[in-house]
Amino acid sequence: MGKITGYLAMSLDGYIAGPRDEIAWVEEQRPSGVPFAAGAWAQQEPDALGFAEYLATIGCMVMGRRTYDVVTSYEGRWPYGDMPMMVPTHRPLPGDHPSVEAAAGDLGAILDRALEIAGDKDVYVDGGTTVRGAVELGRLDELTLSVMPTALGGGIGIFDGLVQPHEFTVESVTKWGPGLVQMRLVRGGPGTLGPVPEM
């Protein structure tokens, strides 16, 4: 059986999208012309895991409803082909994608079903609420975070609303694209920060 994984871009201040779900800051050239990287980091060849490479390891996706609505609002070809996808929701889904199904109920049960569908491949969870839910359940085995050198000042925080601290172990830190810092993290366990030592 595969793992439950996430793959997200994040701003320097911890947001995965702007206040109105904007993600152009991830995909487009910067209007300011400020480079993503300088010095030795700019010269280093990108060697991190790319999205197409990552997607090839995935057998099923669990995408949050808000993220699904944003993705289906874009013009053009459906980016996930015939990849099986489950969307936790109680409302009908827009779009005509035979591989996508609405999945009501407990996120843990949805993740179990996604693992069955994925077979020997992994499950990709996407969307802030869904990723957070998987973390809270102790079910997110691996997280790939590409940190953009941009501070948004507001938006949708990746871990906003966690009830308790959760710990991860850094597996690797590499360059991706023109200067992004990509971290691959593996799950630790829920824990408490404990008392702050006196100085």
Protein backbone atom coordinates (compact mmCIF):
# COMPACT_ATOMS: atom_id res chain seq x y z
CA MET A 1 0.00 0.00 0.00
CA GLY A 2 1.20 3.50 -0.82
CA LYS A 3 1.70 6.63 1.27
CA ILE A 4 -0.46 9.71 1.78
CA THR A 5 1.48 12.69 0.47
CA GLY A 6 1.15 16.40 -0.25
CA TYR A 7 2.88 18.67 -2.76
CA LEU A 8 2.36 22.41 -2.31
CA ALA A 9 3.91 25.79 -3.03
CA MET A 10 4.03 28.17 -0.09
CA SER A 11 4.89 31.84 0.34
CA LEU A 12 7.59 32.95 2.77
CA ASP A 13 4.87 33.82 5.27
CA GLY A 14 3.15 30.43 5.06
CA TYR A 15 0.30 30.99 2.57
CA ILE A 16 -0.66 28.58 -0.22
CA ALA A 17 -2.98 31.10 -1.91
CA GLY A 18 -3.82 34.77 -1.62
CA PRO A 19 -6.96 36.12 0.13
CA ARG A 20 -9.08 35.56 -3.01
CA ASP A 21 -7.52 32.17 -3.86
CA GLU A 22 -4.90 33.83 -6.09
CA ILE A 23 -2.04 31.58 -7.14
CA ALA A 24 -0.58 33.67 -9.98
CA TRP A 25 2.36 34.51 -7.70
CA VAL A 26 3.38 30.84 -8.01
CA GLU A 27 3.03 30.42 -11.77
CA GLU A 28 3.78 33.73 -13.46
CA GLN A 29 6.85 35.87 -13.98
CA ARG A 30 7.19 38.55 -11.34
CA PRO A 31 5.88 41.91 -12.59
CA SER A 32 8.60 43.63 -10.52
CA GLY A 33 11.38 41.86 -12.42
CA VAL A 34 13.06 40.91 -9.12
CA PRO A 35 14.85 37.58 -9.68
CA PHE A 36 13.91 34.50 -7.67
CA ALA A 37 17.53 33.87 -6.75
CA ALA A 38 20.98 35.49 -6.81
CA GLY A 39 24.59 34.51 -6.19
CA ALA A 40 25.51 30.84 -5.80
CA TRP A 41 21.89 29.74 -5.38
CA ALA A 42 20.99 31.25 -8.77
CA GLN A 43 23.84 29.29 -10.40
CA GLN A 44 22.93 25.95 -8.83
CA GLU A 45 21.14 23.54 -11.14
CA PRO A 46 17.59 22.65 -10.02
CA ASP A 47 17.57 19.08 -8.74
CA ALA A 48 14.38 18.82 -6.70
CA LEU A 49 11.35 16.69 -7.41
CA GLY A 50 9.27 18.29 -10.19
CA PHE A 51 5.47 18.14 -10.22
CA ALA A 52 5.20 15.86 -13.29
CA GLU A 53 7.69 13.47 -11.68
CA TYR A 54 5.71 13.56 -8.44
CA LEU A 55 2.36 13.04 -10.19
CA ALA A 56 3.70 9.88 -11.84
CA THR A 57 3.89 8.31 -8.35
CA ILE A 58 0.22 9.06 -7.58
CA GLY A 59 -2.66 6.63 -7.98
CA CYS A 60 -5.48 8.73 -6.50
CA MET A 61 -6.02 12.34 -5.42
CA VAL A 62 -8.09 13.74 -2.56
CA MET A 63 -8.71 17.39 -3.42
CA GLY A 64 -10.51 19.83 -1.16
CA ARG A 65 -13.76 21.29 -2.48
CA ARG A 66 -12.52 24.90 -2.50
CA THR A 67 -9.40 23.90 -4.44
CA TYR A 68 -11.49 21.85 -6.86
CA ASP A 69 -13.77 24.84 -7.54
CA VAL A 70 -10.72 27.04 -8.23
CA VAL A 71 -9.14 24.48 -10.58
CA THR A 72 -12.37 23.90 -12.52
CA SER A 73 -12.85 27.67 -12.96
CA TYR A 74 -9.72 27.86 -15.14
CA GLU A 75 -10.12 27.74 -18.89
CA GLY A 76 -8.42 25.03 -20.88
CA ARG A 77 -7.72 21.35 -20.51
CA TRP A 78 -8.38 19.51 -17.24
CA PRO A 79 -4.85 19.21 -15.79
CA TYR A 80 -5.26 15.79 -14.11
CA GLY A 81 -6.37 13.67 -17.08
CA ASP A 82 -8.09 10.47 -15.96
CA MET A 83 -6.42 10.38 -12.53
CA PRO A 84 -8.99 9.08 -9.98
CA MET A 85 -9.97 11.94 -7.68
CA MET A 86 -12.16 12.16 -4.59
CA VAL A 87 -13.52 15.54 -3.47
CA PRO A 88 -14.80 15.70 0.13
CA THR A 89 -18.11 17.56 -0.22
CA HIS A 90 -21.87 17.33 0.33
CA ARG A 91 -22.67 19.52 -2.70
CA PRO A 92 -22.85 18.54 -6.38
CA LEU A 93 -19.59 19.04 -8.28
CA PRO A 94 -19.30 21.32 -11.32
CA GLY A 95 -17.48 20.06 -14.38
CA ASP A 96 -17.76 16.86 -16.38
CA HIS A 97 -14.84 14.72 -15.26
CA PRO A 98 -15.70 10.99 -15.12
CA SER A 99 -12.68 10.22 -12.92
CA VAL A 100 -13.82 12.66 -10.20
CA GLU A 101 -16.29 11.67 -7.48
CA ALA A 102 -17.87 13.56 -4.61
CA ALA A 103 -17.06 11.87 -1.31
CA ALA A 104 -19.17 12.74 1.72
CA GLY A 105 -18.25 11.70 5.23
CA ASP A 106 -15.23 11.27 7.44
CA LEU A 107 -11.86 12.28 5.97
CA GLY A 108 -10.18 9.22 7.49
CA ALA A 109 -12.57 6.91 5.63
CA ILE A 110 -12.06 8.90 2.42
CA LEU A 111 -8.28 8.51 2.75
CA ASP A 112 -8.68 4.77 3.35
CA ARG A 113 -10.75 4.46 0.16
CA ALA A 114 -8.22 6.58 -1.78
CA LEU A 115 -5.41 4.24 -0.68
CA GLU A 116 -7.42 1.27 -1.96
CA ILE A 117 -7.96 2.98 -5.32
CA ALA A 118 -4.27 3.98 -5.55
CA GLY A 119 -3.08 0.39 -5.09
CA ASP A 120 0.73 0.34 -5.00
CA LYS A 121 0.93 4.06 -5.79
CA ASP A 122 0.57 7.00 -3.41
CA VAL A 123 -2.37 9.27 -2.57
CA TYR A 124 -1.99 13.02 -3.17
CA VAL A 125 -3.94 15.31 -0.83
CA ASP A 126 -4.41 18.89 -2.02
CA GLY A 127 -6.06 21.98 -0.59
CA GLY A 128 -5.47 23.69 2.74
CA THR A 129 -8.35 22.15 4.68
CA THR A 130 -7.72 18.65 3.33
CA VAL A 131 -3.97 18.76 4.01
CA ARG A 132 -4.61 20.13 7.51
CA GLY A 133 -7.17 17.40 8.14
CA ALA A 134 -4.71 14.70 7.09
CA VAL A 135 -2.07 16.22 9.40
CA GLU A 136 -4.52 16.34 12.34
CA LEU A 137 -5.36 12.67 11.78
CA GLY A 138 -1.64 11.79 11.75
CA ARG A 139 -2.10 10.45 8.22
CA LEU A 140 0.09 12.75 6.08
CA ASP A 141 3.20 10.60 5.59
CA GLU A 142 5.20 12.96 3.40
CA LEU A 143 4.98 16.62 2.41
CA THR A 144 6.88 18.37 -0.38
CA LEU A 145 6.86 22.14 0.17
CA SER A 146 8.26 24.54 -2.43
CA VAL A 147 8.90 27.85 -0.67
CA MET A 148 8.54 30.91 -2.91
CA PRO A 149 10.66 33.98 -2.04
CA THR A 150 7.50 36.12 -1.85
CA ALA A 151 5.69 37.44 1.24
CA LEU A 152 1.95 37.84 0.62
CA GLY A 153 0.88 39.38 3.93
CA GLY A 154 -2.38 37.46 3.98
CA GLY A 155 -4.27 34.59 2.40
CA ILE A 156 -4.92 30.92 3.02
CA GLY A 157 -2.42 29.54 5.51
CA ILE A 158 -1.32 25.98 5.04
CA PHE A 159 -1.54 25.06 8.73
CA ASP A 160 -4.03 27.64 10.04
CA GLY A 161 -6.31 26.07 12.61
CA LEU A 162 -4.21 23.10 13.71
CA VAL A 163 -5.41 22.10 17.17
CA GLN A 164 -1.96 21.03 18.37
CA PRO A 165 1.64 21.12 17.11
CA HIS A 166 2.73 18.40 14.69
CA GLU A 167 6.32 17.54 13.98
CA PHE A 168 8.03 16.63 10.72
CA THR A 169 11.54 15.48 9.86
CA VAL A 170 13.41 17.19 7.00
CA GLU A 171 14.44 14.57 4.44
CA SER A 172 15.99 16.95 1.91
CA VAL A 173 16.30 20.62 0.95
CA THR A 174 17.01 21.34 -2.72
CA LYS A 175 16.62 23.98 -5.40
CA TRP A 176 13.65 23.79 -7.72
CA GLY A 177 13.01 25.95 -10.77
CA PRO A 178 14.52 29.43 -10.93
CA GLY A 179 15.24 29.69 -7.22
CA LEU A 180 12.58 28.06 -5.07
CA VAL A 181 13.66 26.14 -1.99
CA GLN A 182 11.99 22.74 -1.91
CA MET A 183 11.77 20.77 1.32
CA ARG A 184 10.74 17.15 1.53
CA LEU A 185 9.36 16.37 4.98
CA VAL A 186 8.28 13.11 6.55
CA ARG A 187 5.76 12.73 9.32
CA GLY A 188 6.76 12.77 12.94
CA GLY A 189 3.94 12.73 15.47
CA PRO A 190 1.66 15.11 17.27
CA GLY A 191 3.44 16.66 20.21
CA THR A 192 3.42 19.63 22.52
CA LEU A 193 5.89 22.44 22.51
CA GLY A 194 6.30 22.30 26.29
CA PRO A 195 7.20 25.25 28.50
CA VAL A 196 9.41 27.98 27.09
CA PRO A 197 12.73 27.95 29.00
CA GLU A 198 13.53 31.05 30.99
CA MET A 199 16.37 33.23 29.71
